[in-house]
Amino acid sequence: MSGMLIARAPLRVPLAGGLTDVRPYAERFGGVTISATISLAARVTWLPSLDGRFEVVAQGRSESAASPADVRNDLVRAALTTFGGGLGPARIGVWLDVGGNSGLGASGAICTALVHAMLAARGATVEPAVVGAAAARLEVEELGGASGYHDANISARGGLRRLHYAGASVTDVSLPMSAAARSALADSLMLFATGRTGLTGPSLAALIAHIDDALPVLHDIKAVAATLAGALAAGDLRRVAWCVGEQQRLKQRLPGDFVDEDVLALTARVAATGASAQVPGGKIGGYLLVCCPDGQQDAVRSVLAGLPEVPLAFTSEGSGVVRF
C-alpha cells in the first residue's frame, strides 16, 4: 500500500421504521426502515505507517499501538482485527461533521468508512450493498452491540431508501416517488441542534432486554413505515408529517432512553405550529428533525428560537473512497 486514502460515508435522517432493524426483532419478524442520507458525513483517512505502529486519531484522542488488538478505540480495533489482515500498520484518522452521539447514525457511518477504506487499501472494488453488509455485521455482531442493521446499510448505499431486514439480510425495496414529491419532501424538512448527547448502547440494550414487551409497539412502528411509503408515493406531505411524528410518539412508549420533559416540550412546541418533530436515533440524541407539510418553517424557527438550525440536504451518494 502506498499513498493516502480518504473514505467518506454519509450520515442519515430516519423518517419511519427505526428500531425494527435491531437484531432480535429483524430476525424474528423482519424490519423496515425509510430514511435518507444527508450531506453531513464521517470520514476516515488511511496512510502508511512511518514507524511500524498503528496510529489512531479519533474523537479528539490520539493513540499509538503495536498491534490491532492493542488499539483502544472500539470501532477502529474491531475493523482492523476483522478486515485489516495483511494490510500492515497504518495511520488512521476518524473525523465527523457532527459531535459524537448525535443520533444521526454516526457510528454506522464510521464503521462504513472504516470498512470501505480497508477494502480499498487492499485494492478491492466492492458494491455498496457489500460494504453496508460488512459494516453492519461489524457494528452489530463483531462488536456485540445493541445497534441495528440500518445505519451502515443506508450509509453505504446512499439516497432516500426503503430497506427491509430479514436479520442481517437487507433488501432495497422500490420507493416510487415523482421528482416533484422528492423535492417537496426535502423542502419540508428542517434539522435543529439541541445540544443533547446520549449513548445509544444502553438505550437499545434496555429495549432488547424487554423485547417481548415491546413487540406490539415495534409492530406499529413497522406499520408506520408502510404508511409512509404510501404517503411518499402519493406526494401527501401531511400524511408524511404524521408518520414522522408518529414514529416519535411510538418510540416514547418503548423501554429505553427515548423521552423526557425536554423532548415532550420541544415536540409540543413544534406540533402547535402544525408541523411534526422526531428526535432521530435509538436514544435522546443531539438533533430534532421537523417536517413542515404546509410551509410552517418560519413558525417553527420562531418556536425553536435559540436552537441552531442545521442546513439539511439529501444526498444520493453512499460511501466512497478517494486516493491521493
C-alpha atoms as a PDB file:
ATOM      1  CA  MET A   1       0.000   0.000   0.000  1.00  0.00           C
ATOM      2  CA  SER A   2       1.213   3.489  -0.795  1.00  0.00           C
ATOM      3  CA  GLY A   3      -0.241   6.943  -0.662  1.00  0.00           C
ATOM      4  CA  MET A   4      -3.332   8.051   1.222  1.00  0.00           C
ATOM      5  CA  LEU A   5      -6.997   7.079   1.102  1.00  0.00           C
ATOM      6  CA  ILE A   6      -9.953   9.098   2.320  1.00  0.00           C
ATOM      7  CA  ALA A   7     -13.195   7.203   2.761  1.00  0.00           C
ATOM      8  CA  ARG A   8     -16.394   9.195   3.200  1.00  0.00           C
ATOM      9  CA  ALA A   9     -19.719   7.791   4.450  1.00  0.00           C
ATOM     10  CA  PRO A  10     -22.825   9.986   4.826  1.00  0.00           C
ATOM     11  CA  LEU A  11     -24.926  10.361   7.954  1.00  0.00           C
ATOM     12  CA  ARG A  12     -28.691   9.879   7.735  1.00  0.00           C
ATOM     13  CA  VAL A  13     -32.031  11.163   8.943  1.00  0.00           C
ATOM     14  CA  PRO A  14     -34.637   8.489   9.746  1.00  0.00           C
ATOM     15  CA  LEU A  15     -38.250   9.032   8.785  1.00  0.00           C
ATOM     16  CA  ALA A  16     -40.052   5.858   9.890  1.00  0.00           C
ATOM     17  CA  GLY A  17     -39.449   2.250  10.875  1.00  0.00           C
ATOM     18  CA  GLY A  18     -36.374   2.838  13.000  1.00  0.00           C
ATOM     19  CA  LEU A  19     -35.756   0.260  15.760  1.00  0.00           C
ATOM     20  CA  THR A  20     -37.385  -2.557  13.757  1.00  0.00           C
ATOM     21  CA  ASP A  21     -33.858  -3.153  12.409  1.00  0.00           C
ATOM     22  CA  VAL A  22     -32.464  -4.270  15.791  1.00  0.00           C
ATOM     23  CA  ARG A  23     -31.233  -7.833  15.566  1.00  0.00           C
ATOM     24  CA  PRO A  24     -33.782  -9.747  17.691  1.00  0.00           C
ATOM     25  CA  TYR A  25     -36.758  -8.070  16.019  1.00  0.00           C
ATOM     26  CA  ALA A  26     -35.386  -8.211  12.469  1.00  0.00           C
ATOM     27  CA  GLU A  27     -34.512 -11.892  12.823  1.00  0.00           C
ATOM     28  CA  ARG A  28     -37.940 -12.883  14.159  1.00  0.00           C
ATOM     29  CA  PHE A  29     -40.323 -10.581  12.311  1.00  0.00           C
ATOM     30  CA  GLY A  30     -38.408  -8.659   9.667  1.00  0.00           C
ATOM     31  CA  GLY A  31     -37.803  -4.938   9.913  1.00  0.00           C
ATOM     32  CA  VAL A  32     -38.406  -1.963   7.624  1.00  0.00           C
ATOM     33  CA  THR A  33     -36.853   1.497   7.602  1.00  0.00           C
ATOM     34  CA  ILE A  34     -37.319   4.560   5.411  1.00  0.00           C
ATOM     35  CA  SER A  35     -34.525   7.086   5.712  1.00  0.00           C
ATOM     36  CA  ALA A  36     -32.300   9.405   3.700  1.00  0.00           C
ATOM     37  CA  THR A  37     -28.606  10.173   3.675  1.00  0.00           C
ATOM     38  CA  ILE A  38     -27.580  13.797   4.121  1.00  0.00           C
ATOM     39  CA  SER A  39     -24.583  15.967   3.291  1.00  0.00           C
ATOM     40  CA  LEU A  40     -23.060  15.568   6.780  1.00  0.00           C
ATOM     41  CA  ALA A  41     -20.626  12.663   6.902  1.00  0.00           C
ATOM     42  CA  ALA A  42     -17.976  10.586   8.621  1.00  0.00           C
ATOM     43  CA  ARG A  43     -14.503  10.442   7.064  1.00  0.00           C
ATOM     44  CA  VAL A  44     -11.630   8.044   7.582  1.00  0.00           C
ATOM     45  CA  THR A  45      -8.091   8.856   6.467  1.00  0.00           C
ATOM     46  CA  TRP A  46      -5.706   5.934   5.902  1.00  0.00           C
ATOM     47  CA  LEU A  47      -1.954   6.391   5.415  1.00  0.00           C
ATOM     48  CA  PRO A  48       1.012   4.021   5.591  1.00  0.00           C
ATOM     49  CA  SER A  49       2.747   3.848   8.948  1.00  0.00           C
ATOM     50  CA  LEU A  50       6.051   5.641   9.382  1.00  0.00           C
ATOM     51  CA  ASP A  51       7.340   3.584  12.311  1.00  0.00           C
ATOM     52  CA  GLY A  52       5.617   0.202  12.116  1.00  0.00           C
ATOM     53  CA  ARG A  53       2.932   1.110  14.642  1.00  0.00           C
ATOM     54  CA  PHE A  54      -0.784   1.753  14.359  1.00  0.00           C
ATOM     55  CA  GLU A  55      -1.502   5.437  14.952  1.00  0.00           C
ATOM     56  CA  VAL A  56      -5.151   6.353  15.533  1.00  0.00           C
ATOM     57  CA  VAL A  57      -6.736   9.768  15.892  1.00  0.00           C
ATOM     58  CA  ALA A  58     -10.460   9.602  16.692  1.00  0.00           C
ATOM     59  CA  GLN A  59     -12.926  11.637  18.754  1.00  0.00           C
ATOM     60  CA  GLY A  60     -10.209  14.045  19.829  1.00  0.00           C
ATOM     61  CA  ARG A  61      -7.937  11.300  21.166  1.00  0.00           C
ATOM     62  CA  SER A  62      -4.620  10.064  19.775  1.00  0.00           C
ATOM     63  CA  GLU A  63      -3.039   6.696  20.412  1.00  0.00           C
ATOM     64  CA  SER A  64      -0.212   4.509  19.162  1.00  0.00           C
ATOM     65  CA  ALA A  65      -0.387   0.723  19.310  1.00  0.00           C
ATOM     66  CA  ALA A  66       1.897  -2.148  18.384  1.00  0.00           C
ATOM     67  CA  SER A  67      -0.924  -4.313  17.033  1.00  0.00           C
ATOM     68  CA  PRO A  68      -4.617  -4.026  16.098  1.00  0.00           C
ATOM     69  CA  ALA A  69      -5.605  -5.829  19.301  1.00  0.00           C
ATOM     70  CA  ASP A  70      -3.898  -3.072  21.319  1.00  0.00           C
ATOM     71  CA  VAL A  71      -5.923  -0.234  19.760  1.00  0.00           C
ATOM     72  CA  ARG A  72      -8.229   1.244  22.398  1.00  0.00           C
ATOM     73  CA  ASN A  73     -10.843   2.761  20.070  1.00  0.00           C
ATOM     74  CA  ASP A  74     -13.523   0.072  19.837  1.00  0.00           C
ATOM     75  CA  LEU A  75     -14.659   0.722  16.265  1.00  0.00           C
ATOM     76  CA  VAL A  76     -11.146   1.011  14.836  1.00  0.00           C
ATOM     77  CA  ARG A  77      -9.893  -2.043  16.730  1.00  0.00           C
ATOM     78  CA  ALA A  78     -12.819  -4.179  15.553  1.00  0.00           C
ATOM     79  CA  ALA A  79     -12.410  -3.012  11.948  1.00  0.00           C
ATOM     80  CA  LEU A  80      -8.671  -3.726  11.970  1.00  0.00           C
ATOM     81  CA  THR A  81      -8.985  -7.168  13.502  1.00  0.00           C
ATOM     82  CA  THR A  82     -11.840  -8.151  11.163  1.00  0.00           C
ATOM     83  CA  PHE A  83     -10.853  -6.517   7.861  1.00  0.00           C
ATOM     84  CA  GLY A  84      -7.257  -5.329   8.270  1.00  0.00           C
ATOM     85  CA  GLY A  85      -5.432  -8.641   7.920  1.00  0.00           C
ATOM     86  CA  GLY A  86      -2.424  -8.374   5.610  1.00  0.00           C
ATOM     87  CA  LEU A  87      -2.577  -4.595   5.279  1.00  0.00           C
ATOM     88  CA  GLY A  88       0.148  -3.836   7.787  1.00  0.00           C
ATOM     89  CA  PRO A  89       0.403  -0.892  10.195  1.00  0.00           C
ATOM     90  CA  ALA A  90      -1.254   2.372   9.221  1.00  0.00           C
ATOM     91  CA  ARG A  91      -2.051   5.872  10.398  1.00  0.00           C
ATOM     92  CA  ILE A  92      -5.835   6.141  10.736  1.00  0.00           C
ATOM     93  CA  GLY A  93      -7.914   9.252  11.369  1.00  0.00           C
ATOM     94  CA  VAL A  94     -11.652   9.297  12.082  1.00  0.00           C
ATOM     95  CA  TRP A  95     -13.480  12.585  11.551  1.00  0.00           C
ATOM     96  CA  LEU A  96     -17.130  13.574  11.944  1.00  0.00           C
ATOM     97  CA  ASP A  97     -19.023  16.609  10.652  1.00  0.00           C
ATOM     98  CA  VAL A  98     -21.070  16.494  13.883  1.00  0.00           C
ATOM     99  CA  GLY A  99     -20.358  15.729  17.512  1.00  0.00           C
ATOM    100  CA  GLY A 100     -20.449  12.156  18.701  1.00  0.00           C
ATOM    101  CA  ASN A 101     -23.642  10.535  19.987  1.00  0.00           C
ATOM    102  CA  SER A 102     -25.642  12.689  17.586  1.00  0.00           C
ATOM    103  CA  GLY A 103     -28.490  10.323  16.709  1.00  0.00           C
ATOM    104  CA  LEU A 104     -27.696  10.789  13.012  1.00  0.00           C
ATOM    105  CA  GLY A 105     -26.116   7.358  12.546  1.00  0.00           C
ATOM    106  CA  ALA A 106     -22.530   8.392  13.256  1.00  0.00           C
ATOM    107  CA  SER A 107     -21.201   5.042  14.483  1.00  0.00           C
ATOM    108  CA  GLY A 108     -22.725   3.244  11.497  1.00  0.00           C
ATOM    109  CA  ALA A 109     -21.172   5.779   9.126  1.00  0.00           C
ATOM    110  CA  ILE A 110     -17.788   5.439  10.835  1.00  0.00           C
ATOM    111  CA  CYS A 111     -17.946   1.647  10.522  1.00  0.00           C
ATOM    112  CA  THR A 112     -18.871   2.037   6.863  1.00  0.00           C
ATOM    113  CA  ALA A 113     -15.991   4.418   6.158  1.00  0.00           C
ATOM    114  CA  LEU A 114     -13.513   2.186   8.027  1.00  0.00           C
ATOM    115  CA  VAL A 115     -14.567  -0.930   6.140  1.00  0.00           C
ATOM    116  CA  HIS A 116     -14.585   0.870   2.791  1.00  0.00           C
ATOM    117  CA  ALA A 117     -11.108   2.289   3.458  1.00  0.00           C
ATOM    118  CA  MET A 118      -9.683  -1.129   4.334  1.00  0.00           C
ATOM    119  CA  LEU A 119     -11.241  -2.850   1.349  1.00  0.00           C
ATOM    120  CA  ALA A 120      -9.906  -0.098  -0.911  1.00  0.00           C
ATOM    121  CA  ALA A 121      -6.444  -0.306   0.695  1.00  0.00           C
ATOM    122  CA  ARG A 122      -6.198  -3.921  -0.467  1.00  0.00           C
ATOM    123  CA  GLY A 123      -7.258  -2.872  -3.981  1.00  0.00           C
ATOM    124  CA  ALA A 124     -10.805  -4.211  -3.857  1.00  0.00           C
ATOM    125  CA  THR A 125     -13.714  -2.535  -5.621  1.00  0.00           C
ATOM    126  CA  VAL A 126     -16.963  -3.589  -3.989  1.00  0.00           C
ATOM    127  CA  GLU A 127     -20.647  -2.879  -4.414  1.00  0.00           C
ATOM    128  CA  PRO A 128     -22.348  -0.571  -1.869  1.00  0.00           C
ATOM    129  CA  ALA A 129     -24.532  -3.417  -0.597  1.00  0.00           C
ATOM    130  CA  VAL A 130     -21.408  -5.455   0.206  1.00  0.00           C
ATOM    131  CA  VAL A 131     -19.798  -2.566   2.086  1.00  0.00           C
ATOM    132  CA  GLY A 132     -23.008  -1.934   4.019  1.00  0.00           C
ATOM    133  CA  ALA A 133     -23.472  -5.583   4.960  1.00  0.00           C
ATOM    134  CA  ALA A 134     -19.879  -5.884   6.139  1.00  0.00           C
ATOM    135  CA  ALA A 135     -20.042  -2.671   8.169  1.00  0.00           C
ATOM    136  CA  ALA A 136     -23.380  -3.625   9.725  1.00  0.00           C
ATOM    137  CA  ARG A 137     -22.013  -7.032  10.676  1.00  0.00           C
ATOM    138  CA  LEU A 138     -19.034  -5.314  12.280  1.00  0.00           C
ATOM    139  CA  GLU A 139     -21.207  -2.958  14.326  1.00  0.00           C
ATOM    140  CA  VAL A 140     -23.983  -5.368  15.308  1.00  0.00           C
ATOM    141  CA  GLU A 141     -22.274  -8.741  15.517  1.00  0.00           C
ATOM    142  CA  GLU A 142     -18.500  -8.350  15.883  1.00  0.00           C
ATOM    143  CA  LEU A 143     -18.838  -5.561  18.446  1.00  0.00           C
ATOM    144  CA  GLY A 144     -21.749  -7.342  20.113  1.00  0.00           C
ATOM    145  CA  GLY A 145     -23.578  -4.040  20.373  1.00  0.00           C
ATOM    146  CA  ALA A 146     -27.254  -3.341  20.675  1.00  0.00           C
ATOM    147  CA  SER A 147     -27.296  -1.315  17.445  1.00  0.00           C
ATOM    148  CA  GLY A 148     -29.352  -2.290  14.415  1.00  0.00           C
ATOM    149  CA  TYR A 149     -28.577  -3.099  10.789  1.00  0.00           C
ATOM    150  CA  HIS A 150     -29.959   0.162   9.417  1.00  0.00           C
ATOM    151  CA  ASP A 151     -27.274   2.812   9.769  1.00  0.00           C
ATOM    152  CA  ALA A 152     -24.364   1.126   7.993  1.00  0.00           C
ATOM    153  CA  ASN A 153     -26.564  -0.133   5.165  1.00  0.00           C
ATOM    154  CA  ILE A 154     -28.130   3.234   4.350  1.00  0.00           C
ATOM    155  CA  SER A 155     -24.767   4.986   4.704  1.00  0.00           C
ATOM    156  CA  ALA A 156     -23.105   2.636   2.233  1.00  0.00           C
ATOM    157  CA  ARG A 157     -25.944   2.781  -0.307  1.00  0.00           C
ATOM    158  CA  GLY A 158     -26.923   6.451  -0.023  1.00  0.00           C
ATOM    159  CA  GLY A 159     -30.141   8.135  -1.065  1.00  0.00           C
ATOM    160  CA  LEU A 160     -33.735   8.043   0.121  1.00  0.00           C
ATOM    161  CA  ARG A 161     -34.480   4.346   0.560  1.00  0.00           C
ATOM    162  CA  ARG A 162     -36.854   1.779   1.975  1.00  0.00           C
ATOM    163  CA  LEU A 163     -34.795  -1.105   3.343  1.00  0.00           C
ATOM    164  CA  HIS A 164     -36.233  -4.414   4.514  1.00  0.00           C
ATOM    165  CA  TYR A 165     -34.334  -6.578   7.019  1.00  0.00           C
ATOM    166  CA  ALA A 166     -34.535 -10.332   7.467  1.00  0.00           C
ATOM    167  CA  GLY A 167     -31.941 -10.369  10.201  1.00  0.00           C
ATOM    168  CA  ALA A 168     -28.689  -9.252   8.591  1.00  0.00           C
ATOM    169  CA  SER A 169     -30.044  -9.835   5.076  1.00  0.00           C
ATOM    170  CA  VAL A 170     -31.093  -6.490   3.595  1.00  0.00           C
ATOM    171  CA  THR A 171     -33.318  -5.864   0.572  1.00  0.00           C
ATOM    172  CA  ASP A 172     -33.640  -2.476  -1.090  1.00  0.00           C
ATOM    173  CA  VAL A 173     -37.344  -2.191  -1.925  1.00  0.00           C
ATOM    174  CA  SER A 174     -38.537   0.278  -4.540  1.00  0.00           C
ATOM    175  CA  LEU A 175     -39.854   3.564  -3.160  1.00  0.00           C
ATOM    176  CA  PRO A 176     -41.710   5.112  -6.094  1.00  0.00           C
ATOM    177  CA  MET A 177     -41.843   8.909  -5.943  1.00  0.00           C
ATOM    178  CA  SER A 178     -42.052  11.641  -8.518  1.00  0.00           C
ATOM    179  CA  ALA A 179     -39.231  14.144  -8.762  1.00  0.00           C
ATOM    180  CA  ALA A 180     -41.636  16.820  -7.538  1.00  0.00           C
ATOM    181  CA  ALA A 181     -42.579  14.744  -4.489  1.00  0.00           C
ATOM    182  CA  ARG A 182     -38.917  14.186  -3.612  1.00  0.00           C
ATOM    183  CA  SER A 183     -38.199  17.888  -3.907  1.00  0.00           C
ATOM    184  CA  ALA A 184     -41.236  18.792  -1.788  1.00  0.00           C
ATOM    185  CA  LEU A 185     -40.189  16.306   0.894  1.00  0.00           C
ATOM    186  CA  ALA A 186     -36.672  17.712   1.061  1.00  0.00           C
ATOM    187  CA  ASP A 187     -38.029  21.261   1.257  1.00  0.00           C
ATOM    188  CA  SER A 188     -40.393  20.310   4.096  1.00  0.00           C
ATOM    189  CA  LEU A 189     -37.686  19.003   6.424  1.00  0.00           C
ATOM    190  CA  MET A 190     -35.664  21.017   8.907  1.00  0.00           C
ATOM    191  CA  LEU A 191     -32.936  19.997  11.345  1.00  0.00           C
ATOM    192  CA  PHE A 192     -32.087  21.682  14.636  1.00  0.00           C
ATOM    193  CA  ALA A 193     -29.225  21.035  17.049  1.00  0.00           C
ATOM    194  CA  THR A 194     -30.438  20.552  20.620  1.00  0.00           C
ATOM    195  CA  GLY A 195     -27.054  20.296  22.323  1.00  0.00           C
ATOM    196  CA  ARG A 196     -28.049  16.973  23.884  1.00  0.00           C
ATOM    197  CA  THR A 197     -25.791  13.923  23.947  1.00  0.00           C
ATOM    198  CA  GLY A 198     -26.701  10.366  24.811  1.00  0.00           C
ATOM    199  CA  LEU A 199     -25.388   6.843  24.402  1.00  0.00           C
ATOM    200  CA  THR A 200     -27.237   4.504  22.064  1.00  0.00           C
ATOM    201  CA  GLY A 201     -25.905   1.281  23.575  1.00  0.00           C
ATOM    202  CA  PRO A 202     -27.605   1.454  26.993  1.00  0.00           C
ATOM    203  CA  SER A 203     -30.879   2.654  25.477  1.00  0.00           C
ATOM    204  CA  LEU A 204     -31.094  -0.131  22.911  1.00  0.00           C
ATOM    205  CA  ALA A 205     -29.835  -2.676  25.432  1.00  0.00           C
ATOM    206  CA  ALA A 206     -32.862  -1.814  27.577  1.00  0.00           C
ATOM    207  CA  LEU A 207     -35.127  -2.215  24.550  1.00  0.00           C
ATOM    208  CA  ILE A 208     -33.647  -5.595  23.661  1.00  0.00           C
ATOM    209  CA  ALA A 209     -33.791  -6.817  27.256  1.00  0.00           C
ATOM    210  CA  HIS A 210     -37.559  -6.183  27.186  1.00  0.00           C
ATOM    211  CA  ILE A 211     -38.126  -7.017  23.533  1.00  0.00           C
ATOM    212  CA  ASP A 212     -41.162  -9.241  24.118  1.00  0.00           C
ATOM    213  CA  ASP A 213     -42.969  -6.448  25.968  1.00  0.00           C
ATOM    214  CA  ALA A 214     -42.016  -4.032  23.175  1.00  0.00           C
ATOM    215  CA  LEU A 215     -43.299  -6.175  20.289  1.00  0.00           C
ATOM    216  CA  PRO A 216     -46.742  -4.541  19.917  1.00  0.00           C
ATOM    217  CA  VAL A 217     -45.149  -1.086  19.616  1.00  0.00           C
ATOM    218  CA  LEU A 218     -42.456  -2.317  17.229  1.00  0.00           C
ATOM    219  CA  HIS A 219     -45.144  -3.887  15.041  1.00  0.00           C
ATOM    220  CA  ASP A 220     -46.894  -0.499  14.998  1.00  0.00           C
ATOM    221  CA  ILE A 221     -43.626   1.230  14.073  1.00  0.00           C
ATOM    222  CA  LYS A 222     -43.214  -1.133  11.130  1.00  0.00           C
ATOM    223  CA  ALA A 223     -46.776  -0.317  10.049  1.00  0.00           C
ATOM    224  CA  VAL A 224     -45.897   3.401  10.101  1.00  0.00           C
ATOM    225  CA  ALA A 225     -43.112   2.704   7.591  1.00  0.00           C
ATOM    226  CA  ALA A 226     -45.668   1.099   5.273  1.00  0.00           C
ATOM    227  CA  THR A 227     -47.973   4.107   5.686  1.00  0.00           C
ATOM    228  CA  LEU A 228     -45.090   6.452   4.929  1.00  0.00           C
ATOM    229  CA  ALA A 229     -44.228   4.575   1.733  1.00  0.00           C
ATOM    230  CA  GLY A 230     -47.784   5.121   0.522  1.00  0.00           C
ATOM    231  CA  ALA A 231     -47.753   8.789   1.522  1.00  0.00           C
ATOM    232  CA  LEU A 232     -44.471   9.376  -0.324  1.00  0.00           C
ATOM    233  CA  ALA A 233     -45.796   7.679  -3.451  1.00  0.00           C
ATOM    234  CA  ALA A 234     -48.918   9.870  -3.315  1.00  0.00           C
ATOM    235  CA  GLY A 235     -46.976  13.051  -2.563  1.00  0.00           C
ATOM    236  CA  ASP A 236     -49.107  13.526   0.574  1.00  0.00           C
ATOM    237  CA  LEU A 237     -46.923  15.732   2.766  1.00  0.00           C
ATOM    238  CA  ARG A 238     -49.479  15.972   5.553  1.00  0.00           C
ATOM    239  CA  ARG A 239     -49.510  12.191   5.861  1.00  0.00           C
ATOM    240  CA  VAL A 240     -45.702  12.183   5.684  1.00  0.00           C
ATOM    241  CA  ALA A 241     -45.560  14.642   8.579  1.00  0.00           C
ATOM    242  CA  TRP A 242     -47.966  12.485  10.574  1.00  0.00           C
ATOM    243  CA  CYS A 243     -45.660   9.489  10.056  1.00  0.00           C
ATOM    244  CA  VAL A 244     -42.599  11.446  11.203  1.00  0.00           C
ATOM    245  CA  GLY A 245     -44.414  12.460  14.370  1.00  0.00           C
ATOM    246  CA  GLU A 246     -45.975   9.028  14.921  1.00  0.00           C
ATOM    247  CA  GLN A 247     -42.531   7.420  14.817  1.00  0.00           C
ATOM    248  CA  GLN A 248     -41.559   9.668  17.736  1.00  0.00           C
ATOM    249  CA  ARG A 249     -44.781   9.071  19.662  1.00  0.00           C
ATOM    250  CA  LEU A 250     -44.396   5.313  19.359  1.00  0.00           C
ATOM    251  CA  LYS A 251     -40.698   5.362  20.324  1.00  0.00           C
ATOM    252  CA  GLN A 252     -41.662   7.139  23.524  1.00  0.00           C
ATOM    253  CA  ARG A 253     -43.680   4.072  24.568  1.00  0.00           C
ATOM    254  CA  LEU A 254     -40.663   1.753  24.336  1.00  0.00           C
ATOM    255  CA  PRO A 255     -38.239   0.746  27.093  1.00  0.00           C
ATOM    256  CA  GLY A 256     -35.034   2.734  26.664  1.00  0.00           C
ATOM    257  CA  ASP A 257     -33.955   6.365  26.664  1.00  0.00           C
ATOM    258  CA  PHE A 258     -36.373   7.937  24.190  1.00  0.00           C
ATOM    259  CA  VAL A 259     -38.261  10.677  26.042  1.00  0.00           C
ATOM    260  CA  ASP A 260     -38.016  13.192  28.874  1.00  0.00           C
ATOM    261  CA  GLU A 261     -39.604  16.517  29.734  1.00  0.00           C
ATOM    262  CA  ASP A 262     -37.387  18.442  27.314  1.00  0.00           C
ATOM    263  CA  VAL A 263     -38.311  16.161  24.411  1.00  0.00           C
ATOM    264  CA  LEU A 264     -42.002  16.486  25.250  1.00  0.00           C
ATOM    265  CA  ALA A 265     -41.704  20.265  25.416  1.00  0.00           C
ATOM    266  CA  LEU A 266     -39.862  20.579  22.082  1.00  0.00           C
ATOM    267  CA  THR A 267     -42.189  18.265  20.163  1.00  0.00           C
ATOM    268  CA  ALA A 268     -45.238  20.016  21.641  1.00  0.00           C
ATOM    269  CA  ARG A 269     -43.961  23.428  20.541  1.00  0.00           C
ATOM    270  CA  VAL A 270     -43.464  22.112  17.011  1.00  0.00           C
ATOM    271  CA  ALA A 271     -46.877  20.415  16.981  1.00  0.00           C
ATOM    272  CA  ALA A 272     -48.519  23.729  17.910  1.00  0.00           C
ATOM    273  CA  THR A 273     -47.403  25.092  14.509  1.00  0.00           C
ATOM    274  CA  GLY A 274     -48.979  22.193  12.611  1.00  0.00           C
ATOM    275  CA  ALA A 275     -45.597  20.583  11.911  1.00  0.00           C
ATOM    276  CA  SER A 276     -44.258  17.300  13.321  1.00  0.00           C
ATOM    277  CA  ALA A 277     -40.970  16.510  15.049  1.00  0.00           C
ATOM    278  CA  GLN A 278     -38.800  13.496  15.751  1.00  0.00           C
ATOM    279  CA  VAL A 279     -35.592  13.033  17.761  1.00  0.00           C
ATOM    280  CA  PRO A 280     -33.505  10.803  15.469  1.00  0.00           C
ATOM    281  CA  GLY A 281     -31.744   7.697  16.736  1.00  0.00           C
ATOM    282  CA  GLY A 282     -32.095   4.995  19.333  1.00  0.00           C
ATOM    283  CA  LYS A 283     -31.828   7.420  22.243  1.00  0.00           C
ATOM    284  CA  ILE A 284     -32.319  11.092  23.051  1.00  0.00           C
ATOM    285  CA  GLY A 285     -29.776  12.477  20.620  1.00  0.00           C
ATOM    286  CA  GLY A 286     -28.497  15.886  19.703  1.00  0.00           C
ATOM    287  CA  TYR A 287     -30.869  16.814  16.878  1.00  0.00           C
ATOM    288  CA  LEU A 288     -34.542  17.485  16.212  1.00  0.00           C
ATOM    289  CA  LEU A 289     -35.946  16.629  12.773  1.00  0.00           C
ATOM    290  CA  VAL A 290     -39.029  18.650  11.805  1.00  0.00           C
ATOM    291  CA  CYS A 291     -41.437  18.077   8.912  1.00  0.00           C
ATOM    292  CA  CYS A 292     -43.434  21.132   7.772  1.00  0.00           C
ATOM    293  CA  PRO A 293     -46.218  19.952   5.441  1.00  0.00           C
ATOM    294  CA  ASP A 294     -47.819  23.355   4.899  1.00  0.00           C
ATOM    295  CA  GLY A 295     -44.928  25.809   4.899  1.00  0.00           C
ATOM    296  CA  GLN A 296     -44.602  26.223   8.677  1.00  0.00           C
ATOM    297  CA  GLN A 297     -40.830  26.797   8.527  1.00  0.00           C
ATOM    298  CA  ASP A 298     -40.884  30.381   9.834  1.00  0.00           C
ATOM    299  CA  ALA A 299     -43.295  29.454  12.634  1.00  0.00           C
ATOM    300  CA  VAL A 300     -41.061  26.531  13.599  1.00  0.00           C
ATOM    301  CA  ARG A 301     -37.986  28.760  13.663  1.00  0.00           C
ATOM    302  CA  SER A 302     -39.895  31.095  15.974  1.00  0.00           C
ATOM    303  CA  VAL A 303     -40.975  28.438  18.486  1.00  0.00           C
ATOM    304  CA  LEU A 304     -37.497  26.877  18.427  1.00  0.00           C
ATOM    305  CA  ALA A 305     -35.663  30.182  18.756  1.00  0.00           C
ATOM    306  CA  GLY A 306     -32.368  29.506  20.474  1.00  0.00           C
ATOM    307  CA  LEU A 307     -31.781  26.155  18.794  1.00  0.00           C
ATOM    308  CA  PRO A 308     -29.300  26.405  15.906  1.00  0.00           C
ATOM    309  CA  GLU A 309     -30.757  25.341  12.577  1.00  0.00           C
ATOM    310  CA  VAL A 310     -28.509  22.938  10.672  1.00  0.00           C
ATOM    311  CA  PRO A 311     -28.586  23.049   6.852  1.00  0.00           C
ATOM    312  CA  LEU A 312     -30.234  19.841   5.675  1.00  0.00           C
ATOM    313  CA  ALA A 313     -29.635  18.465   2.194  1.00  0.00           C
ATOM    314  CA  PHE A 314     -30.392  14.973   0.897  1.00  0.00           C
ATOM    315  CA  THR A 315     -27.638  13.160  -0.986  1.00  0.00           C
ATOM    316  CA  SER A 316     -27.878  10.342  -3.486  1.00  0.00           C
ATOM    317  CA  GLU A 317     -24.323   9.080  -2.982  1.00  0.00           C
ATOM    318  CA  GLY A 318     -23.330   6.447  -0.463  1.00  0.00           C
ATOM    319  CA  SER A 319     -19.850   5.751   0.822  1.00  0.00           C
ATOM    320  CA  GLY A 320     -16.874   6.327  -1.452  1.00  0.00           C
ATOM    321  CA  VAL A 321     -13.082   6.414  -1.467  1.00  0.00           C
ATOM    322  CA  VAL A 322     -10.658   8.940  -2.940  1.00  0.00           C
ATOM    323  CA  ARG A 323      -6.981   8.077  -3.437  1.00  0.00           C
ATOM    324  CA  PHE A 324      -4.136  10.586  -3.257  1.00  0.00           C
END
